[in-house]
Amino acid sequence: MKATVALEHSILTAVWHMLADGECYADPGADHFNRMGPIKAKNNAIKKLNNLNFNVTITPATAA
Protein backbone atom coordinates (compact mmCIF):
# COMPACT_ATOMS: atom_id res chain seq x y z
CA MET A 1 0.00 0.00 0.00
CA LYS A 2 2.84 2.40 0.83
CA ALA A 3 4.47 1.73 -2.53
CA THR A 4 1.21 2.43 -4.36
CA VAL A 5 0.73 5.73 -2.56
CA ALA A 6 4.36 6.69 -3.25
CA LEU A 7 3.91 5.93 -6.95
CA GLU A 8 0.69 7.93 -7.07
CA HIS A 9 2.45 10.85 -5.38
CA SER A 10 5.29 10.74 -7.93
CA ILE A 11 2.85 10.69 -10.84
CA LEU A 12 0.75 13.53 -9.43
CA THR A 13 3.87 15.61 -8.77
CA ALA A 14 5.09 15.09 -12.34
CA VAL A 15 1.67 15.96 -13.79
CA TRP A 16 1.42 19.08 -11.63
CA HIS A 17 4.83 20.31 -12.81
CA MET A 18 3.96 19.61 -16.46
CA LEU A 19 0.69 21.52 -16.18
CA ALA A 20 2.20 24.40 -14.20
CA ASP A 21 5.16 24.86 -16.56
CA GLY A 22 3.25 24.06 -19.76
CA GLU A 23 5.91 21.60 -20.86
CA CYS A 24 5.77 17.96 -21.86
CA TYR A 25 7.82 15.33 -20.09
CA ALA A 26 11.38 15.10 -21.42
CA ASP A 27 12.90 11.69 -20.82
CA PRO A 28 16.45 12.18 -19.50
CA GLY A 29 17.63 9.03 -21.29
CA ALA A 30 19.05 5.70 -20.28
CA ASP A 31 22.49 7.13 -19.52
CA HIS A 32 21.23 10.01 -17.36
CA PHE A 33 22.95 8.90 -14.17
CA ASN A 34 26.17 8.06 -16.02
CA ARG A 35 26.28 11.60 -17.43
CA MET A 36 25.38 13.26 -14.12
CA GLY A 37 27.87 11.31 -12.00
CA PRO A 38 30.46 9.47 -14.10
CA ILE A 39 32.78 8.79 -11.15
CA LYS A 40 29.96 7.31 -9.08
CA ALA A 41 28.82 5.21 -12.07
CA LYS A 42 32.39 3.92 -12.52
CA ASN A 43 32.72 3.07 -8.82
CA ASN A 44 29.34 1.28 -8.82
CA ALA A 45 30.35 -0.78 -11.87
CA ILE A 46 33.65 -1.76 -10.23
CA LYS A 47 31.85 -2.71 -7.02
CA LYS A 48 29.35 -4.87 -8.91
CA LEU A 49 32.13 -6.68 -10.77
CA ASN A 50 34.07 -7.23 -7.53
CA ASN A 51 30.93 -8.72 -5.97
CA LEU A 52 30.84 -11.18 -8.89
CA ASN A 53 34.43 -12.24 -8.04
CA PHE A 54 36.13 -10.34 -10.86
CA ASN A 55 39.38 -8.41 -10.41
CA VAL A 56 39.05 -5.03 -12.07
CA THR A 57 41.85 -2.82 -13.39
CA ILE A 58 40.89 0.55 -14.85
CA THR A 59 43.04 2.40 -17.36
CA PRO A 60 42.05 5.71 -18.96
CA ALA A 61 40.98 5.58 -22.60
CA THR A 62 43.23 7.34 -25.08
CA ALA A 63 41.78 10.36 -26.88
CA ALA A 64 41.00 9.69 -30.53
PDB file of N, CA and C in Angstrom:
ATOM      1  N   MET A   1       0.827  -1.192   0.000  1.00  0.00           N
ATOM      2  CA  MET A   1       0.000   0.000   0.000  1.00  0.00           C
ATOM      3  C   MET A   1       0.873   1.258   0.000  1.00  0.00           C
ATOM      4  N   LYS A   2       1.959   1.239   0.795  1.00  0.00           N
ATOM      5  CA  LYS A   2       2.843   2.405   0.828  1.00  0.00           C
ATOM      6  C   LYS A   2       3.469   2.663  -0.536  1.00  0.00           C
ATOM      7  N   ALA A   3       3.851   1.575  -1.220  1.00  0.00           N
ATOM      8  CA  ALA A   3       4.473   1.727  -2.534  1.00  0.00           C
ATOM      9  C   ALA A   3       3.487   2.318  -3.538  1.00  0.00           C
ATOM     10  N   THR A   4       2.236   1.907  -3.460  1.00  0.00           N
ATOM     11  CA  THR A   4       1.207   2.434  -4.364  1.00  0.00           C
ATOM     12  C   THR A   4       1.005   3.922  -4.130  1.00  0.00           C
ATOM     13  N   VAL A   5       0.925   4.321  -2.884  1.00  0.00           N
ATOM     14  CA  VAL A   5       0.735   5.735  -2.559  1.00  0.00           C
ATOM     15  C   VAL A   5       1.959   6.546  -2.998  1.00  0.00           C
ATOM     16  N   ALA A   6       3.149   5.996  -2.828  1.00  0.00           N
ATOM     17  CA  ALA A   6       4.362   6.694  -3.247  1.00  0.00           C
ATOM     18  C   ALA A   6       4.391   6.874  -4.765  1.00  0.00           C
ATOM     19  N   LEU A   7       3.977   5.840  -5.495  1.00  0.00           N
ATOM     20  CA  LEU A   7       3.914   5.931  -6.954  1.00  0.00           C
ATOM     21  C   LEU A   7       2.886   6.961  -7.390  1.00  0.00           C
ATOM     22  N   GLU A   8       1.722   6.946  -6.757  1.00  0.00           N
ATOM     23  CA  GLU A   8       0.689   7.933  -7.075  1.00  0.00           C
ATOM     24  C   GLU A   8       1.198   9.348  -6.816  1.00  0.00           C
ATOM     25  N   HIS A   9       1.904   9.536  -5.711  1.00  0.00           N
ATOM     26  CA  HIS A   9       2.453  10.847  -5.379  1.00  0.00           C
ATOM     27  C   HIS A   9       3.446  11.302  -6.443  1.00  0.00           C
ATOM     28  N   SER A  10       4.311  10.402  -6.899  1.00  0.00           N
ATOM     29  CA  SER A  10       5.286  10.742  -7.927  1.00  0.00           C
ATOM     30  C   SER A  10       4.602  11.143  -9.229  1.00  0.00           C
ATOM     31  N   ILE A  11       3.576  10.391  -9.606  1.00  0.00           N
ATOM     32  CA  ILE A  11       2.855  10.695 -10.841  1.00  0.00           C
ATOM     33  C   ILE A  11       2.141  12.034 -10.724  1.00  0.00           C
ATOM     34  N   LEU A  12       1.463  12.267  -9.610  1.00  0.00           N
ATOM     35  CA  LEU A  12       0.754  13.534  -9.430  1.00  0.00           C
ATOM     36  C   LEU A  12       1.717  14.717  -9.410  1.00  0.00           C
ATOM     37  N   THR A  13       2.874  14.545  -8.798  1.00  0.00           N
ATOM     38  CA  THR A  13       3.866  15.613  -8.772  1.00  0.00           C
ATOM     39  C   THR A  13       4.358  15.922 -10.187  1.00  0.00           C
ATOM     40  N   ALA A  14       4.626  14.884 -10.967  1.00  0.00           N
ATOM     41  CA  ALA A  14       5.094  15.085 -12.341  1.00  0.00           C
ATOM     42  C   ALA A  14       4.016  15.776 -13.180  1.00  0.00           C
ATOM     43  N   VAL A  15       2.764  15.353 -13.040  1.00  0.00           N
ATOM     44  CA  VAL A  15       1.670  15.961 -13.789  1.00  0.00           C
ATOM     45  C   VAL A  15       1.498  17.415 -13.385  1.00  0.00           C
ATOM     46  N   TRP A  16       1.577  17.705 -12.089  1.00  0.00           N
ATOM     47  CA  TRP A  16       1.423  19.082 -11.632  1.00  0.00           C
ATOM     48  C   TRP A  16       2.497  19.983 -12.243  1.00  0.00           C
ATOM     49  N   HIS A  17       3.744  19.504 -12.244  1.00  0.00           N
ATOM     50  CA  HIS A  17       4.828  20.305 -12.814  1.00  0.00           C
ATOM     51  C   HIS A  17       4.640  20.499 -14.317  1.00  0.00           C
ATOM     52  N   MET A  18       4.182  19.475 -15.021  1.00  0.00           N
ATOM     53  CA  MET A  18       3.961  19.610 -16.462  1.00  0.00           C
ATOM     54  C   MET A  18       2.857  20.613 -16.749  1.00  0.00           C
ATOM     55  N   LEU A  19       1.789  20.581 -15.968  1.00  0.00           N
ATOM     56  CA  LEU A  19       0.692  21.519 -16.185  1.00  0.00           C
ATOM     57  C   LEU A  19       1.076  22.941 -15.764  1.00  0.00           C
ATOM     58  N   ALA A  20       1.809  23.081 -14.685  1.00  0.00           N
ATOM     59  CA  ALA A  20       2.197  24.401 -14.197  1.00  0.00           C
ATOM     60  C   ALA A  20       3.199  25.072 -15.138  1.00  0.00           C
ATOM     61  N   ASP A  21       4.128  24.303 -15.691  1.00  0.00           N
ATOM     62  CA  ASP A  21       5.157  24.858 -16.563  1.00  0.00           C
ATOM     63  C   ASP A  21       4.730  24.882 -18.028  1.00  0.00           C
ATOM     64  N   GLY A  22       3.699  24.135 -18.376  1.00  0.00           N
ATOM     65  CA  GLY A  22       3.246  24.063 -19.761  1.00  0.00           C
ATOM     66  C   GLY A  22       4.195  23.293 -20.655  1.00  0.00           C
ATOM     67  N   GLU A  23       4.953  22.377 -20.086  1.00  0.00           N
ATOM     68  CA  GLU A  23       5.907  21.604 -20.861  1.00  0.00           C
ATOM     69  C   GLU A  23       5.569  20.121 -20.798  1.00  0.00           C
ATOM     70  N   CYS A  24       5.945  19.407 -21.844  1.00  0.00           N
ATOM     71  CA  CYS A  24       5.768  17.958 -21.860  1.00  0.00           C
ATOM     72  C   CYS A  24       6.946  17.306 -21.140  1.00  0.00           C
ATOM     73  N   TYR A  25       6.768  16.069 -20.778  1.00  0.00           N
ATOM     74  CA  TYR A  25       7.824  15.328 -20.090  1.00  0.00           C
ATOM     75  C   TYR A  25       8.976  15.091 -21.054  1.00  0.00           C
ATOM     76  N   ALA A  26      10.175  15.358 -20.628  1.00  0.00           N
ATOM     77  CA  ALA A  26      11.379  15.105 -21.420  1.00  0.00           C
ATOM     78  C   ALA A  26      12.157  13.985 -20.741  1.00  0.00           C
ATOM     79  N   ASP A  27      12.196  12.834 -21.380  1.00  0.00           N
ATOM     80  CA  ASP A  27      12.898  11.685 -20.821  1.00  0.00           C
ATOM     81  C   ASP A  27      14.394  11.989 -20.767  1.00  0.00           C
ATOM     82  N   PRO A  28      15.024  11.844 -19.597  1.00  0.00           N
ATOM     83  CA  PRO A  28      16.449  12.175 -19.496  1.00  0.00           C
ATOM     84  C   PRO A  28      17.351  11.166 -20.204  1.00  0.00           C
ATOM     85  N   GLY A  29      16.843  10.020 -20.564  1.00  0.00           N
ATOM     86  CA  GLY A  29      17.633   9.035 -21.287  1.00  0.00           C
ATOM     87  C   GLY A  29      18.169   7.944 -20.384  1.00  0.00           C
ATOM     88  N   ALA A  30      18.577   6.874 -21.018  1.00  0.00           N
ATOM     89  CA  ALA A  30      19.046   5.704 -20.276  1.00  0.00           C
ATOM     90  C   ALA A  30      20.375   5.953 -19.577  1.00  0.00           C
ATOM     91  N   ASP A  31      21.181   6.861 -20.107  1.00  0.00           N
ATOM     92  CA  ASP A  31      22.490   7.127 -19.521  1.00  0.00           C
ATOM     93  C   ASP A  31      22.497   8.381 -18.649  1.00  0.00           C
ATOM     94  N   HIS A  32      21.350   8.790 -18.155  1.00  0.00           N
ATOM     95  CA  HIS A  32      21.227  10.015 -17.358  1.00  0.00           C
ATOM     96  C   HIS A  32      22.158  10.012 -16.152  1.00  0.00           C
ATOM     97  N   PHE A  33      22.139   8.950 -15.378  1.00  0.00           N
ATOM     98  CA  PHE A  33      22.947   8.904 -14.165  1.00  0.00           C
ATOM     99  C   PHE A  33      24.439   8.767 -14.489  1.00  0.00           C
ATOM    100  N   ASN A  34      24.762   8.139 -15.610  1.00  0.00           N
ATOM    101  CA  ASN A  34      26.168   8.061 -16.021  1.00  0.00           C
ATOM    102  C   ASN A  34      26.691   9.440 -16.406  1.00  0.00           C
ATOM    103  N   ARG A  35      25.862  10.258 -17.046  1.00  0.00           N
ATOM    104  CA  ARG A  35      26.277  11.605 -17.428  1.00  0.00           C
ATOM    105  C   ARG A  35      26.333  12.535 -16.225  1.00  0.00           C
ATOM    106  N   MET A  36      25.425  12.369 -15.284  1.00  0.00           N
ATOM    107  CA  MET A  36      25.377  13.256 -14.125  1.00  0.00           C
ATOM    108  C   MET A  36      26.470  12.946 -13.108  1.00  0.00           C
ATOM    109  N   GLY A  37      26.845  11.690 -12.975  1.00  0.00           N
ATOM    110  CA  GLY A  37      27.868  11.308 -11.999  1.00  0.00           C
ATOM    111  C   GLY A  37      28.755  10.207 -12.545  1.00  0.00           C
ATOM    112  N   PRO A  38      29.649  10.534 -13.482  1.00  0.00           N
ATOM    113  CA  PRO A  38      30.458   9.475 -14.101  1.00  0.00           C
ATOM    114  C   PRO A  38      31.379   8.755 -13.121  1.00  0.00           C
ATOM    115  N   ILE A  39      31.885   9.446 -12.126  1.00  0.00           N
ATOM    116  CA  ILE A  39      32.775   8.795 -11.154  1.00  0.00           C
ATOM    117  C   ILE A  39      31.991   7.805 -10.302  1.00  0.00           C
ATOM    118  N   LYS A  40      30.802   8.211  -9.877  1.00  0.00           N
ATOM    119  CA  LYS A  40      29.964   7.314  -9.084  1.00  0.00           C
ATOM    120  C   LYS A  40      29.535   6.108  -9.913  1.00  0.00           C
ATOM    121  N   ALA A  41      29.200   6.323 -11.195  1.00  0.00           N
ATOM    122  CA  ALA A  41      28.821   5.214 -12.072  1.00  0.00           C
ATOM    123  C   ALA A  41      29.977   4.233 -12.235  1.00  0.00           C
ATOM    124  N   LYS A  42      31.197   4.773 -12.385  1.00  0.00           N
ATOM    125  CA  LYS A  42      32.386   3.920 -12.516  1.00  0.00           C
ATOM    126  C   LYS A  42      32.602   3.102 -11.252  1.00  0.00           C
ATOM    127  N   ASN A  43      32.510   3.764 -10.092  1.00  0.00           N
ATOM    128  CA  ASN A  43      32.718   3.067  -8.821  1.00  0.00           C
ATOM    129  C   ASN A  43      31.658   1.999  -8.590  1.00  0.00           C
ATOM    130  N   ASN A  44      30.403   2.278  -8.959  1.00  0.00           N
ATOM    131  CA  ASN A  44      29.342   1.282  -8.821  1.00  0.00           C
ATOM    132  C   ASN A  44      29.596   0.077  -9.724  1.00  0.00           C
ATOM    133  N   ALA A  45      30.063   0.326 -10.952  1.00  0.00           N
ATOM    134  CA  ALA A  45      30.354  -0.780 -11.869  1.00  0.00           C
ATOM    135  C   ALA A  45      31.488  -1.652 -11.330  1.00  0.00           C
ATOM    136  N   ILE A  46      32.521  -1.008 -10.805  1.00  0.00           N
ATOM    137  CA  ILE A  46      33.647  -1.765 -10.228  1.00  0.00           C
ATOM    138  C   ILE A  46      33.174  -2.592  -9.044  1.00  0.00           C
ATOM    139  N   LYS A  47      32.356  -1.992  -8.193  1.00  0.00           N
ATOM    140  CA  LYS A  47      31.854  -2.706  -7.018  1.00  0.00           C
ATOM    141  C   LYS A  47      31.015  -3.921  -7.419  1.00  0.00           C
ATOM    142  N   LYS A  48      30.178  -3.753  -8.446  1.00  0.00           N
ATOM    143  CA  LYS A  48      29.349  -4.875  -8.911  1.00  0.00           C
ATOM    144  C   LYS A  48      30.214  -6.000  -9.464  1.00  0.00           C
ATOM    145  N   LEU A  49      31.237  -5.651 -10.231  1.00  0.00           N
ATOM    146  CA  LEU A  49      32.130  -6.681 -10.765  1.00  0.00           C
ATOM    147  C   LEU A  49      32.919  -7.369  -9.655  1.00  0.00           C
ATOM    148  N   ASN A  50      33.364  -6.619  -8.664  1.00  0.00           N
ATOM    149  CA  ASN A  50      34.066  -7.227  -7.530  1.00  0.00           C
ATOM    150  C   ASN A  50      33.157  -8.183  -6.772  1.00  0.00           C
ATOM    151  N   ASN A  51      31.874  -7.835  -6.641  1.00  0.00           N
ATOM    152  CA  ASN A  51      30.927  -8.720  -5.967  1.00  0.00           C
ATOM    153  C   ASN A  51      30.694 -10.011  -6.737  1.00  0.00           C
ATOM    154  N   LEU A  52      30.969  -9.979  -8.056  1.00  0.00           N
ATOM    155  CA  LEU A  52      30.844 -11.180  -8.885  1.00  0.00           C
ATOM    156  C   LEU A  52      32.174 -11.926  -8.999  1.00  0.00           C
ATOM    157  N   ASN A  53      33.110 -11.597  -8.106  1.00  0.00           N
ATOM    158  CA  ASN A  53      34.426 -12.242  -8.038  1.00  0.00           C
ATOM    159  C   ASN A  53      35.289 -11.978  -9.265  1.00  0.00           C
ATOM    160  N   PHE A  54      35.246 -10.761  -9.787  1.00  0.00           N
ATOM    161  CA  PHE A  54      36.135 -10.343 -10.857  1.00  0.00           C
ATOM    162  C   PHE A  54      37.122  -9.333 -10.296  1.00  0.00           C
ATOM    163  N   ASN A  55      38.377  -9.424 -10.745  1.00  0.00           N
ATOM    164  CA  ASN A  55      39.377  -8.411 -10.409  1.00  0.00           C
ATOM    165  C   ASN A  55      39.321  -7.354 -11.512  1.00  0.00           C
ATOM    166  N   VAL A  56      39.244  -6.108 -11.113  1.00  0.00           N
ATOM    167  CA  VAL A  56      39.055  -5.027 -12.075  1.00  0.00           C
ATOM    168  C   VAL A  56      40.250  -4.101 -12.051  1.00  0.00           C
ATOM    169  N   THR A  57      40.789  -3.806 -13.228  1.00  0.00           N
ATOM    170  CA  THR A  57      41.850  -2.824 -13.391  1.00  0.00           C
ATOM    171  C   THR A  57      41.352  -1.793 -14.383  1.00  0.00           C
ATOM    172  N   ILE A  58      41.388  -0.521 -14.003  1.00  0.00           N
ATOM    173  CA  ILE A  58      40.890   0.552 -14.847  1.00  0.00           C
ATOM    174  C   ILE A  58      42.072   1.340 -15.401  1.00  0.00           C
ATOM    175  N   THR A  59      42.055   1.554 -16.719  1.00  0.00           N
ATOM    176  CA  THR A  59      43.039   2.403 -17.359  1.00  0.00           C
ATOM    177  C   THR A  59      42.294   3.445 -18.187  1.00  0.00           C
ATOM    178  N   PRO A  60      42.747   4.686 -18.193  1.00  0.00           N
ATOM    179  CA  PRO A  60      42.048   5.714 -18.961  1.00  0.00           C
ATOM    180  C   PRO A  60      42.108   5.426 -20.462  1.00  0.00           C
ATOM    181  N   ALA A  61      41.026   5.753 -21.152  1.00  0.00           N
ATOM    182  CA  ALA A  61      40.979   5.576 -22.602  1.00  0.00           C
ATOM    183  C   ALA A  61      41.802   6.678 -23.250  1.00  0.00           C
ATOM    184  N   THR A  62      42.448   6.349 -24.351  1.00  0.00           N
ATOM    185  CA  THR A  62      43.228   7.343 -25.075  1.00  0.00           C
ATOM    186  C   THR A  62      42.294   8.171 -25.940  1.00  0.00           C
ATOM    187  N   ALA A  63      42.609   9.457 -26.067  1.00  0.00           N
ATOM    188  CA  ALA A  63      41.782  10.359 -26.880  1.00  0.00           C
ATOM    189  C   ALA A  63      41.991  10.040 -28.349  1.00  0.00           C
ATOM    190  N   ALA A  64      40.908  10.024 -29.091  1.00  0.00           N
ATOM    191  CA  ALA A  64      40.998   9.693 -30.532  1.00  0.00           C
ATOM    192  C   ALA A  64      41.231  10.927 -31.357  1.00  0.00           C
TER     193      ALA A  64
END
